[in-house]
PDB file of N, CA and C in Angstrom:
ATOM      1  N   MET A   1     119.563 176.372 216.495  1.00  0.00           N
ATOM      2  CA  MET A   1     119.038 177.690 216.868  1.00  0.00           C
ATOM      3  C   MET A   1     117.507 177.580 217.137  1.00  0.00           C
ATOM      4  N   SER A   2     117.082 178.180 218.174  1.00  0.00           N
ATOM      5  CA  SER A   2     115.659 178.100 218.594  1.00  0.00           C
ATOM      6  C   SER A   2     114.761 178.584 217.549  1.00  0.00           C
ATOM      7  N   VAL A   3     113.497 178.024 217.507  1.00  0.00           N
ATOM      8  CA  VAL A   3     112.450 178.430 216.595  1.00  0.00           C
ATOM      9  C   VAL A   3     111.241 178.623 217.542  1.00  0.00           C
ATOM     10  N   TYR A   4     110.296 179.431 217.053  1.00  0.00           N
ATOM     11  CA  TYR A   4     109.121 179.780 217.746  1.00  0.00           C
ATOM     12  C   TYR A   4     107.888 179.615 216.887  1.00  0.00           C
ATOM     13  N   VAL A   5     106.869 179.021 217.415  1.00  0.00           N
ATOM     14  CA  VAL A   5     105.599 178.900 216.762  1.00  0.00           C
ATOM     15  C   VAL A   5     104.671 179.900 217.441  1.00  0.00           C
ATOM     16  N   ILE A   6     104.075 180.783 216.609  1.00  0.00           N
ATOM     17  CA  ILE A   6     103.108 181.734 217.003  1.00  0.00           C
ATOM     18  C   ILE A   6     101.793 181.372 216.437  1.00  0.00           C
ATOM     19  N   ALA A   7     100.790 181.215 217.259  1.00  0.00           N
ATOM     20  CA  ALA A   7      99.496 180.835 216.752  1.00  0.00           C
ATOM     21  C   ALA A   7      98.387 181.768 217.321  1.00  0.00           C
ATOM     22  N   HIS A   8      97.495 182.125 216.461  1.00  0.00           N
ATOM     23  CA  HIS A   8      96.284 182.887 216.878  1.00  0.00           C
ATOM     24  C   HIS A   8      95.097 181.934 216.527  1.00  0.00           C
ATOM     25  N   LEU A   9      94.298 181.738 217.499  1.00  0.00           N
ATOM     26  CA  LEU A   9      93.129 180.768 217.374  1.00  0.00           C
ATOM     27  C   LEU A   9      91.866 181.515 217.617  1.00  0.00           C
ATOM     28  N   THR A  10      90.786 181.081 216.907  1.00  0.00           N
ATOM     29  CA  THR A  10      89.477 181.442 217.270  1.00  0.00           C
ATOM     30  C   THR A  10      88.737 180.167 217.555  1.00  0.00           C
ATOM     31  N   ILE A  11      88.400 180.052 218.836  1.00  0.00           N
ATOM     32  CA  ILE A  11      87.723 178.799 219.372  1.00  0.00           C
ATOM     33  C   ILE A  11      86.279 178.978 219.212  1.00  0.00           C
ATOM     34  N   HIS A  12      85.595 178.026 218.595  1.00  0.00           N
ATOM     35  CA  HIS A  12      84.192 178.021 218.445  1.00  0.00           C
ATOM     36  C   HIS A  12      83.456 176.882 219.086  1.00  0.00           C
ATOM     37  N   ASP A  13      84.205 175.928 219.530  1.00  0.00           N
ATOM     38  CA  ASP A  13      83.646 174.798 220.330  1.00  0.00           C
ATOM     39  C   ASP A  13      84.588 174.523 221.472  1.00  0.00           C
ATOM     40  N   ARG A  14      84.364 175.119 222.605  1.00  0.00           N
ATOM     41  CA  ARG A  14      85.265 175.031 223.771  1.00  0.00           C
ATOM     42  C   ARG A  14      85.337 173.609 224.245  1.00  0.00           C
ATOM     43  N   ASP A  15      84.290 172.894 224.358  1.00  0.00           N
ATOM     44  CA  ASP A  15      84.322 171.468 224.850  1.00  0.00           C
ATOM     45  C   ASP A  15      85.190 170.602 223.946  1.00  0.00           C
ATOM     46  N   ARG A  16      85.124 170.701 222.657  1.00  0.00           N
ATOM     47  CA  ARG A  16      85.938 169.891 221.756  1.00  0.00           C
ATOM     48  C   ARG A  16      87.368 170.429 221.837  1.00  0.00           C
ATOM     49  N   TYR A  17      87.589 171.725 221.959  1.00  0.00           N
ATOM     50  CA  TYR A  17      88.980 172.283 222.056  1.00  0.00           C
ATOM     51  C   TYR A  17      89.591 171.726 223.347  1.00  0.00           C
ATOM     52  N   ASN A  18      88.827 171.606 224.338  1.00  0.00           N
ATOM     53  CA  ASN A  18      89.362 171.104 225.649  1.00  0.00           C
ATOM     54  C   ASN A  18      89.972 169.674 225.489  1.00  0.00           C
ATOM     55  N   ARG A  19      89.412 168.904 224.632  1.00  0.00           N
ATOM     56  CA  ARG A  19      89.874 167.549 224.318  1.00  0.00           C
ATOM     57  C   ARG A  19      91.382 167.708 223.800  1.00  0.00           C
ATOM     58  N   TYR A  20      91.554 168.635 222.859  1.00  0.00           N
ATOM     59  CA  TYR A  20      92.881 168.914 222.366  1.00  0.00           C
ATOM     60  C   TYR A  20      93.810 169.347 223.482  1.00  0.00           C
ATOM     61  N   GLN A  21      93.272 170.288 224.218  1.00  0.00           N
ATOM     62  CA  GLN A  21      94.126 170.848 225.254  1.00  0.00           C
ATOM     63  C   GLN A  21      94.512 169.840 226.344  1.00  0.00           C
ATOM     64  N   ASP A  22      93.592 168.950 226.666  1.00  0.00           N
ATOM     65  CA  ASP A  22      93.858 167.976 227.667  1.00  0.00           C
ATOM     66  C   ASP A  22      95.022 166.959 227.321  1.00  0.00           C
ATOM     67  N   GLY A  23      95.251 166.727 226.048  1.00  0.00           N
ATOM     68  CA  GLY A  23      96.341 165.842 225.658  1.00  0.00           C
ATOM     69  C   GLY A  23      97.572 166.544 225.184  1.00  0.00           C
ATOM     70  N   PHE A  24      97.504 167.861 225.116  1.00  0.00           N
ATOM     71  CA  PHE A  24      98.548 168.646 224.487  1.00  0.00           C
ATOM     72  C   PHE A  24      99.878 168.549 225.172  1.00  0.00           C
ATOM     73  N   MET A  25      99.930 168.877 226.501  1.00  0.00           N
ATOM     74  CA  MET A  25     101.317 168.914 227.188  1.00  0.00           C
ATOM     75  C   MET A  25     102.028 167.519 227.169  1.00  0.00           C
ATOM     76  N   GLU A  26     101.334 166.486 227.225  1.00  0.00           N
ATOM     77  CA  GLU A  26     101.997 165.181 227.234  1.00  0.00           C
ATOM     78  C   GLU A  26     102.731 164.935 225.908  1.00  0.00           C
ATOM     79  N   VAL A  27     102.096 165.357 224.821  1.00  0.00           N
ATOM     80  CA  VAL A  27     102.723 165.142 223.566  1.00  0.00           C
ATOM     81  C   VAL A  27     103.824 166.228 223.347  1.00  0.00           C
ATOM     82  N   PHE A  28     103.528 167.455 223.648  1.00  0.00           N
ATOM     83  CA  PHE A  28     104.386 168.593 223.477  1.00  0.00           C
ATOM     84  C   PHE A  28     105.773 168.406 224.144  1.00  0.00           C
ATOM     85  N   GLU A  29     105.721 167.994 225.388  1.00  0.00           N
ATOM     86  CA  GLU A  29     107.018 167.813 226.229  1.00  0.00           C
ATOM     87  C   GLU A  29     107.900 166.795 225.649  1.00  0.00           C
ATOM     88  N   LYS A  30     107.378 165.816 224.854  1.00  0.00           N
ATOM     89  CA  LYS A  30     108.186 164.720 224.283  1.00  0.00           C
ATOM     90  C   LYS A  30     109.160 165.315 223.234  1.00  0.00           C
ATOM     91  N   PHE A  31     108.851 166.498 222.760  1.00  0.00           N
ATOM     92  CA  PHE A  31     109.701 167.128 221.686  1.00  0.00           C
ATOM     93  C   PHE A  31     110.465 168.302 222.201  1.00  0.00           C
ATOM     94  N   ASP A  32     110.719 168.406 223.540  1.00  0.00           N
ATOM     95  CA  ASP A  32     111.514 169.463 224.099  1.00  0.00           C
ATOM     96  C   ASP A  32     110.982 170.845 223.945  1.00  0.00           C
ATOM     97  N   GLY A  33     109.672 171.014 223.717  1.00  0.00           N
ATOM     98  CA  GLY A  33     109.046 172.299 223.578  1.00  0.00           C
ATOM     99  C   GLY A  33     108.965 173.034 224.879  1.00  0.00           C
ATOM    100  N   THR A  34     108.958 174.302 224.832  1.00  0.00           N
ATOM    101  CA  THR A  34     108.694 175.160 226.024  1.00  0.00           C
ATOM    102  C   THR A  34     107.529 176.098 225.708  1.00  0.00           C
ATOM    103  N   MET A  35     106.546 176.037 226.581  1.00  0.00           N
ATOM    104  CA  MET A  35     105.331 176.913 226.452  1.00  0.00           C
ATOM    105  C   MET A  35     105.791 178.250 226.996  1.00  0.00           C
ATOM    106  N   LEU A  36     105.754 179.345 226.173  1.00  0.00           N
ATOM    107  CA  LEU A  36     106.142 180.596 226.576  1.00  0.00           C
ATOM    108  C   LEU A  36     104.911 181.577 226.982  1.00  0.00           C
ATOM    109  N   SER A  37     103.793 181.341 226.261  1.00  0.00           N
ATOM    110  CA  SER A  37     102.704 182.207 226.502  1.00  0.00           C
ATOM    111  C   SER A  37     101.382 181.554 225.908  1.00  0.00           C
ATOM    112  N   VAL A  38     100.365 181.643 226.732  1.00  0.00           N
ATOM    113  CA  VAL A  38      98.997 181.338 226.255  1.00  0.00           C
ATOM    114  C   VAL A  38      98.175 182.431 226.808  1.00  0.00           C
ATOM    115  N   ASP A  39      97.490 183.243 225.895  1.00  0.00           N
ATOM    116  CA  ASP A  39      96.812 184.440 226.390  1.00  0.00           C
ATOM    117  C   ASP A  39      95.472 184.568 225.686  1.00  0.00           C
ATOM    118  N   GLU A  40      94.419 184.679 226.452  1.00  0.00           N
ATOM    119  CA  GLU A  40      93.090 184.912 225.836  1.00  0.00           C
ATOM    120  C   GLU A  40      92.618 186.323 225.931  1.00  0.00           C
ATOM    121  N   GLU A  41      93.503 187.213 226.518  1.00  0.00           N
ATOM    122  CA  GLU A  41      93.185 188.655 226.624  1.00  0.00           C
ATOM    123  C   GLU A  41      94.448 189.441 226.389  1.00  0.00           C
ATOM    124  N   PRO A  42      95.083 189.318 225.161  1.00  0.00           N
ATOM    125  CA  PRO A  42      96.339 190.045 224.943  1.00  0.00           C
ATOM    126  C   PRO A  42      96.004 191.526 224.738  1.00  0.00           C
ATOM    127  N   MET A  43      96.992 192.350 225.057  1.00  0.00           N
ATOM    128  CA  MET A  43      96.813 193.789 224.925  1.00  0.00           C
ATOM    129  C   MET A  43      97.167 194.139 223.442  1.00  0.00           C
ATOM    130  N   VAL A  44      96.239 194.645 222.744  1.00  0.00           N
ATOM    131  CA  VAL A  44      96.451 195.028 221.369  1.00  0.00           C
ATOM    132  C   VAL A  44      97.155 196.366 221.300  1.00  0.00           C
ATOM    133  N   LEU A  45      98.343 196.367 220.710  1.00  0.00           N
ATOM    134  CA  LEU A  45      99.165 197.517 220.578  1.00  0.00           C
ATOM    135  C   LEU A  45      99.003 198.288 219.201  1.00  0.00           C
ATOM    136  N   ASP A  46      98.676 197.579 218.212  1.00  0.00           N
ATOM    137  CA  ASP A  46      98.500 198.080 216.912  1.00  0.00           C
ATOM    138  C   ASP A  46      97.676 197.204 216.087  1.00  0.00           C
ATOM    139  N   GLY A  47      96.680 197.684 215.248  1.00  0.00           N
ATOM    140  CA  GLY A  47      95.909 196.912 214.438  1.00  0.00           C
ATOM    141  C   GLY A  47      94.802 196.221 215.248  1.00  0.00           C
ATOM    142  N   GLU A  48      94.282 195.084 214.668  1.00  0.00           N
ATOM    143  CA  GLU A  48      93.140 194.394 215.356  1.00  0.00           C
ATOM    144  C   GLU A  48      93.615 192.994 215.705  1.00  0.00           C
ATOM    145  N   PHE A  49      93.065 192.506 216.793  1.00  0.00           N
ATOM    146  CA  PHE A  49      93.271 191.118 217.150  1.00  0.00           C
ATOM    147  C   PHE A  49      91.922 190.517 217.334  1.00  0.00           C
ATOM    148  N   THR A  50      91.501 189.668 216.469  1.00  0.00           N
ATOM    149  CA  THR A  50      90.102 189.135 216.523  1.00  0.00           C
ATOM    150  C   THR A  50      90.119 187.713 217.026  1.00  0.00           C
ATOM    151  N   ALA A  51      91.250 187.122 217.223  1.00  0.00           N
ATOM    152  CA  ALA A  51      91.241 185.720 217.686  1.00  0.00           C
ATOM    153  C   ALA A  51      90.906 185.703 219.170  1.00  0.00           C
ATOM    154  N   THR A  52      90.578 184.462 219.622  1.00  0.00           N
ATOM    155  CA  THR A  52      90.219 184.249 221.052  1.00  0.00           C
ATOM    156  C   THR A  52      91.357 183.786 221.916  1.00  0.00           C
ATOM    157  N   ARG A  53      92.537 183.353 221.229  1.00  0.00           N
ATOM    158  CA  ARG A  53      93.630 182.924 221.982  1.00  0.00           C
ATOM    159  C   ARG A  53      94.865 183.115 221.193  1.00  0.00           C
ATOM    160  N   SER A  54      96.046 183.512 221.827  1.00  0.00           N
ATOM    161  CA  SER A  54      97.300 183.627 221.267  1.00  0.00           C
ATOM    162  C   SER A  54      98.215 182.696 222.036  1.00  0.00           C
ATOM    163  N   VAL A  55      99.064 181.998 221.212  1.00  0.00           N
ATOM    164  CA  VAL A  55      99.974 180.985 221.838  1.00  0.00           C
ATOM    165  C   VAL A  55     101.363 181.242 221.285  1.00  0.00           C
ATOM    166  N   LEU A  56     102.324 181.142 222.100  1.00  0.00           N
ATOM    167  CA  LEU A  56     103.834 181.283 221.694  1.00  0.00           C
ATOM    168  C   LEU A  56     104.533 180.131 222.319  1.00  0.00           C
ATOM    169  N   ILE A  57     105.137 179.310 221.468  1.00  0.00           N
ATOM    170  CA  ILE A  57     105.981 178.149 222.016  1.00  0.00           C
ATOM    171  C   ILE A  57     107.320 178.174 221.384  1.00  0.00           C
ATOM    172  N   GLU A  58     108.263 177.532 222.019  1.00  0.00           N
ATOM    173  CA  GLU A  58     109.608 177.543 221.572  1.00  0.00           C
ATOM    174  C   GLU A  58     110.091 176.053 221.482  1.00  0.00           C
ATOM    175  N   PHE A  59     110.962 175.827 220.453  1.00  0.00           N
ATOM    176  CA  PHE A  59     111.624 174.513 220.307  1.00  0.00           C
ATOM    177  C   PHE A  59     113.113 174.803 220.059  1.00  0.00           C
ATOM    178  N   PRO A  60     113.978 173.848 220.416  1.00  0.00           N
ATOM    179  CA  PRO A  60     115.387 174.012 220.229  1.00  0.00           C
ATOM    180  C   PRO A  60     115.816 174.110 218.770  1.00  0.00           C
ATOM    181  N   SER A  61     115.026 173.499 217.886  1.00  0.00           N
ATOM    182  CA  SER A  61     115.360 173.479 216.420  1.00  0.00           C
ATOM    183  C   SER A  61     114.046 173.329 215.603  1.00  0.00           C
ATOM    184  N   LYS A  62     114.249 173.727 214.337  1.00  0.00           N
ATOM    185  CA  LYS A  62     113.148 173.565 213.445  1.00  0.00           C
ATOM    186  C   LYS A  62     112.798 172.075 213.293  1.00  0.00           C
ATOM    187  N   GLY A  63     113.799 171.165 213.330  1.00  0.00           N
ATOM    188  CA  GLY A  63     113.564 169.735 213.173  1.00  0.00           C
ATOM    189  C   GLY A  63     112.681 169.272 214.302  1.00  0.00           C
ATOM    190  N   GLN A  64     112.922 169.744 215.534  1.00  0.00           N
ATOM    191  CA  GLN A  64     112.111 169.266 216.615  1.00  0.00           C
ATOM    192  C   GLN A  64     110.651 169.826 216.545  1.00  0.00           C
ATOM    193  N   ALA A  65     110.516 171.021 216.128  1.00  0.00           N
ATOM    194  CA  ALA A  65     109.165 171.592 215.960  1.00  0.00           C
ATOM    195  C   ALA A  65     108.445 170.896 214.836  1.00  0.00           C
ATOM    196  N   MET A  66     109.031 170.526 213.750  1.00  0.00           N
ATOM    197  CA  MET A  66     108.395 169.856 212.672  1.00  0.00           C
ATOM    198  C   MET A  66     108.107 168.356 213.056  1.00  0.00           C
ATOM    199  N   ALA A  67     109.007 167.728 213.851  1.00  0.00           N
ATOM    200  CA  ALA A  67     108.756 166.349 214.328  1.00  0.00           C
ATOM    201  C   ALA A  67     107.530 166.343 215.257  1.00  0.00           C
ATOM    202  N   TRP A  68     107.449 167.380 216.111  1.00  0.00           N
ATOM    203  CA  TRP A  68     106.166 167.472 216.956  1.00  0.00           C
ATOM    204  C   TRP A  68     104.925 167.613 216.140  1.00  0.00           C
ATOM    205  N   MET A  69     104.929 168.617 215.188  1.00  0.00           N
ATOM    206  CA  MET A  69     103.781 168.897 214.412  1.00  0.00           C
ATOM    207  C   MET A  69     103.288 167.696 213.560  1.00  0.00           C
ATOM    208  N   THR A  70     104.270 166.964 213.068  1.00  0.00           N
ATOM    209  CA  THR A  70     103.957 165.749 212.121  1.00  0.00           C
ATOM    210  C   THR A  70     103.814 164.411 212.893  1.00  0.00           C
ATOM    211  N   SER A  71     104.047 164.446 214.136  1.00  0.00           N
ATOM    212  CA  SER A  71     104.043 163.163 214.860  1.00  0.00           C
ATOM    213  C   SER A  71     102.596 162.594 214.915  1.00  0.00           C
ATOM    214  N   PRO A  72     102.512 161.321 214.901  1.00  0.00           N
ATOM    215  CA  PRO A  72     101.197 160.645 214.947  1.00  0.00           C
ATOM    216  C   PRO A  72     100.463 161.081 216.241  1.00  0.00           C
ATOM    217  N   GLU A  73     101.210 161.198 217.284  1.00  0.00           N
ATOM    218  CA  GLU A  73     100.573 161.600 218.637  1.00  0.00           C
ATOM    219  C   GLU A  73      99.937 162.923 218.539  1.00  0.00           C
ATOM    220  N   TYR A  74     100.676 163.830 217.951  1.00  0.00           N
ATOM    221  CA  TYR A  74     100.085 165.268 217.816  1.00  0.00           C
ATOM    222  C   TYR A  74      98.923 165.277 216.825  1.00  0.00           C
ATOM    223  N   GLN A  75      99.069 164.570 215.713  1.00  0.00           N
ATOM    224  CA  GLN A  75      98.043 164.535 214.710  1.00  0.00           C
ATOM    225  C   GLN A  75      96.728 163.955 215.315  1.00  0.00           C
ATOM    226  N   GLU A  76      96.908 163.011 216.249  1.00  0.00           N
ATOM    227  CA  GLU A  76      95.686 162.389 216.876  1.00  0.00           C
ATOM    228  C   GLU A  76      94.894 163.426 217.702  1.00  0.00           C
ATOM    229  N   ILE A  77      95.598 164.310 218.440  1.00  0.00           N
ATOM    230  CA  ILE A  77      94.932 165.299 219.279  1.00  0.00           C
ATOM    231  C   ILE A  77      94.596 166.495 218.443  1.00  0.00           C
ATOM    232  N   ALA A  78      95.329 166.804 217.409  1.00  0.00           N
ATOM    233  CA  ALA A  78      95.123 168.070 216.620  1.00  0.00           C
ATOM    234  C   ALA A  78      93.788 168.000 215.884  1.00  0.00           C
ATOM    235  N   LYS A  79      93.226 166.820 215.656  1.00  0.00           N
ATOM    236  CA  LYS A  79      91.921 166.780 214.939  1.00  0.00           C
ATOM    237  C   LYS A  79      90.869 167.459 215.773  1.00  0.00           C
ATOM    238  N   HIS A  80      91.021 167.502 217.153  1.00  0.00           N
ATOM    239  CA  HIS A  80      90.104 168.132 217.992  1.00  0.00           C
ATOM    240  C   HIS A  80      90.244 169.704 217.823  1.00  0.00           C
ATOM    241  N   ARG A  81      91.503 170.172 217.704  1.00  0.00           N
ATOM    242  CA  ARG A  81      91.755 171.620 217.589  1.00  0.00           C
ATOM    243  C   ARG A  81      91.196 172.085 216.183  1.00  0.00           C
ATOM    244  N   VAL A  82      91.437 171.253 215.137  1.00  0.00           N
ATOM    245  CA  VAL A  82      90.950 171.661 213.829  1.00  0.00           C
ATOM    246  C   VAL A  82      89.343 171.676 213.804  1.00  0.00           C
ATOM    247  N   ALA A  83      88.800 170.769 214.474  1.00  0.00           N
ATOM    248  CA  ALA A  83      87.290 170.774 214.514  1.00  0.00           C
ATOM    249  C   ALA A  83      86.742 171.832 215.342  1.00  0.00           C
ATOM    250  N   ALA A  84      87.502 172.299 216.344  1.00  0.00           N
ATOM    251  CA  ALA A  84      86.916 173.220 217.337  1.00  0.00           C
ATOM    252  C   ALA A  84      87.338 174.642 217.171  1.00  0.00           C
ATOM    253  N   SER A  85      88.207 174.941 216.255  1.00  0.00           N
ATOM    254  CA  SER A  85      88.791 176.277 216.080  1.00  0.00           C
ATOM    255  C   SER A  85      89.297 176.549 214.677  1.00  0.00           C
ATOM    256  N   THR A  86      89.541 177.797 214.411  1.00  0.00           N
ATOM    257  CA  THR A  86      90.341 178.180 213.205  1.00  0.00           C
ATOM    258  C   THR A  86      91.599 178.747 213.728  1.00  0.00           C
ATOM    259  N   ALA A  87      92.708 178.591 212.948  1.00  0.00           N
ATOM    260  CA  ALA A  87      93.998 179.012 213.455  1.00  0.00           C
ATOM    261  C   ALA A  87      94.844 179.540 212.353  1.00  0.00           C
ATOM    262  N   ASN A  88      95.637 180.529 212.720  1.00  0.00           N
ATOM    263  CA  ASN A  88      96.717 181.009 211.858  1.00  0.00           C
ATOM    264  C   ASN A  88      98.026 180.770 212.684  1.00  0.00           C
ATOM    265  N   SER A  89      98.951 179.967 212.067  1.00  0.00           N
ATOM    266  CA  SER A  89     100.191 179.705 212.823  1.00  0.00           C
ATOM    267  C   SER A  89     101.349 179.967 211.929  1.00  0.00           C
ATOM    268  N   ILE A  90     102.486 180.397 212.466  1.00  0.00           N
ATOM    269  CA  ILE A  90     103.702 180.601 211.776  1.00  0.00           C
ATOM    270  C   ILE A  90     104.875 180.062 212.589  1.00  0.00           C
ATOM    271  N   LEU A  91     105.961 179.586 211.890  1.00  0.00           N
ATOM    272  CA  LEU A  91     107.164 179.220 212.573  1.00  0.00           C
ATOM    273  C   LEU A  91     108.255 180.176 212.226  1.00  0.00           C
ATOM    274  N   VAL A  92     108.859 180.828 213.198  1.00  0.00           N
ATOM    275  CA  VAL A  92     109.875 181.835 212.976  1.00  0.00           C
ATOM    276  C   VAL A  92     111.167 181.410 213.719  1.00  0.00           C
ATOM    277  N   GLN A  93     112.274 181.825 212.998  1.00  0.00           N
ATOM    278  CA  GLN A  93     113.624 181.590 213.580  1.00  0.00           C
ATOM    279  C   GLN A  93     113.934 182.472 214.655  1.00  0.00           C
ATOM    280  N   GLY A  94     114.643 181.947 215.706  1.00  0.00           N
ATOM    281  CA  GLY A  94     115.175 182.849 216.752  1.00  0.00           C
ATOM    282  C   GLY A  94     116.449 183.556 216.152  1.00  0.00           C
ATOM    283  N   LEU A  95     116.859 184.550 216.877  1.00  0.00           N
ATOM    284  CA  LEU A  95     118.071 185.401 216.434  1.00  0.00           C
ATOM    285  C   LEU A  95     119.318 184.719 217.010  1.00  0.00           C
ATOM    286  N   ASP A  96     120.365 184.712 216.250  1.00  0.00           N
ATOM    287  CA  ASP A  96     121.708 184.290 216.718  1.00  0.00           C
ATOM    288  C   ASP A  96     122.252 185.475 217.471  1.00  0.00           C
ATOM    289  N   PRO A  97     122.500 185.372 218.832  1.00  0.00           N
ATOM    290  CA  PRO A  97     122.954 186.456 219.553  1.00  0.00           C
ATOM    291  C   PRO A  97     124.304 187.044 219.078  1.00  0.00           C
ATOM    292  N   GLU A  98     125.001 186.278 218.307  1.00  0.00           N
ATOM    293  CA  GLU A  98     126.285 186.749 217.798  1.00  0.00           C
ATOM    294  C   GLU A  98     126.185 187.458 216.457  1.00  0.00           C
ATOM    295  N   ALA A  99     125.052 187.291 215.839  1.00  0.00           N
ATOM    296  CA  ALA A  99     124.871 187.920 214.485  1.00  0.00           C
ATOM    297  C   ALA A  99     124.222 189.270 214.508  1.00  0.00           C
ATOM    298  N   ALA A 100     124.457 190.003 213.507  1.00  0.00           N
ATOM    299  CA  ALA A 100     123.711 191.373 213.363  1.00  0.00           C
ATOM    300  C   ALA A 100     122.286 191.123 213.057  1.00  0.00           C
ATOM    301  N   LEU A 101     121.439 192.044 213.506  1.00  0.00           N
ATOM    302  CA  LEU A 101     120.065 191.936 213.101  1.00  0.00           C
ATOM    303  C   LEU A 101     119.873 191.985 211.503  1.00  0.00           C
ATOM    304  N   PRO A 102     118.913 191.261 211.054  1.00  0.00           N
ATOM    305  CA  PRO A 102     118.666 191.332 209.628  1.00  0.00           C
ATOM    306  C   PRO A 102     118.473 192.741 209.116  1.00  0.00           C
ATOM    307  N   GLY A 103     119.154 193.141 208.082  1.00  0.00           N
ATOM    308  CA  GLY A 103     119.008 194.431 207.519  1.00  0.00           C
ATOM    309  C   GLY A 103     119.776 195.532 208.147  1.00  0.00           C
ATOM    310  N   THR A 104     120.714 195.177 209.151  1.00  0.00           N
ATOM    311  CA  THR A 104     121.529 196.179 209.782  1.00  0.00           C
ATOM    312  C   THR A 104     122.959 196.007 209.501  1.00  0.00           C
ATOM    313  N   ALA A 105     123.378 194.928 208.807  1.00  0.00           N
ATOM    314  CA  ALA A 105     124.796 194.708 208.478  1.00  0.00           C
ATOM    315  C   ALA A 105     125.211 195.434 207.210  1.00  0.00           C
TER     316      ALA A 105
END
């Protein structure tokens, strides 16, 4: 079942962050990830959004998402993201189209 990584980043060193971004897709694609959204001007519908970037990505499985995040190739470029930004990230499960929504059964 698909999983999604949702990340909100506050970038404070754009040049260093660009080093992360420049190597990102090459590593990401090796793990069958799909980039769904990158937005630096999201429309706030409720609450506050103080980050400078929102990212939504999809993987076919939790295993593939975790293999990507823990891979030596990703860890090598992630050091630039860590140095250049602060981030809040979560991994969420996709819904099984055959199952009832949680709390409705």
